[in-house]
Protein backbone atom coordinates (compact mmCIF):
# COMPACT_ATOMS: atom_id res chain seq x y z
CA MET A 1 8.88 1.00 2.51
CA LYS A 2 5.65 -0.11 0.85
CA ALA A 3 3.74 -3.20 1.96
CA TRP A 4 0.55 -4.94 0.91
CA ARG A 5 -1.76 -5.46 3.88
CA VAL A 6 -4.87 -7.56 4.18
CA GLU A 7 -7.29 -5.27 6.02
CA ARG A 8 -10.19 -7.75 6.26
CA THR A 9 -11.39 -11.02 4.79
CA GLY A 10 -12.76 -10.83 1.28
CA GLY A 11 -11.62 -10.40 -2.28
CA ILE A 12 -8.89 -8.38 -3.88
CA GLU A 13 -10.54 -5.20 -2.56
CA SER A 14 -9.43 -6.20 0.98
CA LEU A 15 -5.78 -5.53 0.05
CA SER A 16 -4.27 -2.11 0.56
CA LEU A 17 -0.85 -0.76 -0.34
CA CYS A 18 0.55 1.27 2.55
CA GLU A 19 3.77 2.83 3.73
CA VAL A 20 5.35 1.10 6.76
CA ALA A 21 8.60 1.53 8.69
CA THR A 22 11.58 -0.47 7.41
CA PRO A 23 12.23 -3.29 9.91
CA ALA A 24 15.61 -3.54 11.62
CA PRO A 25 17.19 -7.01 11.52
CA GLY A 26 18.01 -8.61 14.85
CA PRO A 27 21.07 -10.67 15.77
CA GLY A 28 21.66 -13.45 13.23
CA GLU A 29 19.13 -11.96 10.76
CA VAL A 30 19.49 -10.12 7.46
CA LEU A 31 17.29 -7.59 5.65
CA VAL A 32 16.61 -8.54 2.01
CA GLU A 33 15.77 -5.76 -0.44
CA VAL A 34 13.07 -6.87 -2.89
CA HIS A 35 12.88 -4.99 -6.19
CA ALA A 36 9.82 -6.77 -7.59
CA CYS A 37 7.29 -9.33 -6.45
CA GLY A 38 4.02 -10.82 -7.60
CA LEU A 39 0.73 -11.41 -5.83
CA ILE A 40 -1.45 -14.30 -6.86
CA PHE A 41 -5.05 -13.97 -5.77
CA ARG A 42 -6.88 -17.28 -5.74
CA ILE A 43 -10.34 -18.16 -4.49
CA CYS A 44 -10.41 -21.68 -3.04
């Protein structure tokens, strides 16, 4: 699966899209498949 990772502090350039292993849910947990999401980058 693909995941956005924050590699270091900084701006939008600190994000990287990488391929990671799909997690396995534990007892009493579920795995939710997300088809779309949004990222809001905000400087505070």
